[in-house]
């Protein structure tokens, strides 16, 4: 059997690094998800009047909240990465793979 004291690459850290990379590619798109409809409704391009203004305020609030929440995602993953060592024991790595 392999030396149980040997250290191997931390598979959880590798998964978190992949998550961060994938998420970083999507963040800007997610931040802009409601931008165009918000601007269209608010700019009088597609709808005007009292109801249009109410919808614009609602959509603008949702757009801002979505952008705010998306902005919190990468720091959460970064914090998780900081808590993970580069190397773990072979037993810990196997345990991680079994628990997934």
Protein backbone atom coordinates (compact mmCIF):
# COMPACT_ATOMS: atom_id res chain seq x y z
CA UNK A 1 0.00 0.00 0.00
CA UNK A 2 1.19 3.55 -0.73
CA UNK A 3 2.84 5.55 2.00
CA UNK A 4 -0.07 7.13 3.91
CA UNK A 5 2.22 9.96 5.05
CA UNK A 6 2.87 11.11 1.48
CA UNK A 7 1.20 14.35 0.48
CA UNK A 8 -0.77 14.69 -2.74
CA UNK A 9 -2.47 17.56 -4.52
CA UNK A 10 -5.60 18.63 -2.65
CA UNK A 11 -8.57 17.61 -4.86
CA UNK A 12 -10.94 19.97 -3.06
CA UNK A 13 -8.62 22.87 -3.81
CA UNK A 14 -8.48 21.79 -7.46
CA UNK A 15 -12.28 21.75 -7.61
CA UNK A 16 -12.46 25.20 -6.02
CA UNK A 17 -9.88 26.55 -8.48
CA UNK A 18 -11.94 25.21 -11.40
CA UNK A 19 -15.10 26.70 -9.90
CA UNK A 20 -13.39 30.06 -9.55
CA UNK A 21 -12.11 29.96 -13.11
CA UNK A 22 -15.53 29.02 -14.52
CA UNK A 23 -17.30 31.57 -12.35
CA UNK A 24 -14.91 34.38 -13.29
CA UNK A 25 -15.84 33.80 -16.94
CA UNK A 26 -19.55 34.17 -16.14
CA UNK A 27 -19.58 37.00 -13.59
CA UNK A 28 -19.61 39.93 -15.99
CA UNK A 29 -22.41 38.41 -18.05
CA UNK A 30 -24.44 37.75 -14.91
CA UNK A 31 -23.94 41.34 -13.74
CA UNK A 32 -25.35 42.60 -17.03
CA UNK A 33 -28.25 40.13 -17.22
CA UNK A 34 -31.04 42.67 -16.70
CA UNK A 35 -29.19 45.74 -17.96
CA UNK A 36 -30.62 45.90 -21.49
CA UNK A 37 -34.28 45.38 -20.55
CA UNK A 38 -33.91 47.89 -17.70
CA UNK A 39 -32.46 50.49 -20.06
CA UNK A 40 -35.04 49.77 -22.76
CA UNK A 41 -38.00 50.18 -20.42
CA UNK A 42 -36.49 53.15 -18.61
CA UNK A 43 -35.42 54.86 -21.79
CA UNK A 44 -38.89 55.00 -23.27
CA UNK A 45 -37.82 52.79 -26.19
CA UNK A 46 -40.35 50.03 -25.67
CA UNK A 47 -42.89 51.38 -23.20
CA UNK A 48 -43.91 54.73 -21.76
CA UNK A 49 -46.22 55.95 -19.03
CA UNK A 50 -46.85 55.41 -15.35
CA UNK A 51 -46.79 51.61 -15.51
CA UNK A 52 -43.57 51.69 -17.55
CA UNK A 53 -41.92 53.86 -14.90
CA UNK A 54 -43.08 51.46 -12.15
CA UNK A 55 -41.76 48.45 -14.06
CA UNK A 56 -38.49 50.28 -14.69
CA UNK A 57 -38.01 50.99 -10.99
CA UNK A 58 -38.74 47.36 -10.14
CA UNK A 59 -36.46 45.99 -12.84
CA UNK A 60 -33.70 48.47 -12.00
CA UNK A 61 -33.81 47.36 -8.36
CA UNK A 62 -33.60 43.72 -9.37
CA UNK A 63 -30.72 44.47 -11.74
CA UNK A 64 -28.80 46.24 -8.97
CA UNK A 65 -29.47 43.47 -6.42
CA UNK A 66 -28.41 40.78 -8.88
CA UNK A 67 -25.17 42.62 -9.66
CA UNK A 68 -24.52 43.06 -5.94
CA UNK A 69 -25.06 39.37 -5.18
CA UNK A 70 -22.96 38.23 -8.15
CA UNK A 71 -20.17 40.52 -6.92
CA UNK A 72 -20.06 38.52 -3.70
CA UNK A 73 -19.48 35.15 -5.37
CA UNK A 74 -15.78 35.33 -6.23
CA UNK A 75 -14.75 36.56 -2.75
CA UNK A 76 -16.60 33.59 -1.20
CA UNK A 77 -14.72 31.15 -3.42
CA UNK A 78 -11.44 33.00 -2.80
CA UNK A 79 -11.98 32.69 0.96
CA UNK A 80 -12.64 28.96 0.61
CA UNK A 81 -9.46 28.59 -1.45
CA UNK A 82 -7.39 30.38 1.18
CA UNK A 83 -8.61 27.81 3.71
CA UNK A 84 -7.47 24.85 1.66
CA UNK A 85 -3.88 23.58 1.77
CA UNK A 86 -2.05 22.83 -1.49
CA UNK A 87 -1.32 19.27 -0.40
CA UNK A 88 -3.20 16.76 1.75
CA UNK A 89 -2.59 13.18 2.77
CA UNK A 90 -3.56 10.47 0.30
CA UNK A 91 -6.20 9.34 2.81
CA UNK A 92 -7.80 12.82 2.89
CA UNK A 93 -7.81 12.97 -0.91
CA UNK A 94 -9.49 9.56 -1.18
CA UNK A 95 -12.02 10.55 1.44
CA UNK A 96 -12.87 13.74 -0.47
CA UNK A 97 -13.42 11.77 -3.68
CA UNK A 98 -15.61 9.22 -1.90
CA UNK A 99 -17.75 11.94 -0.26
CA UNK A 100 -18.42 13.70 -3.57
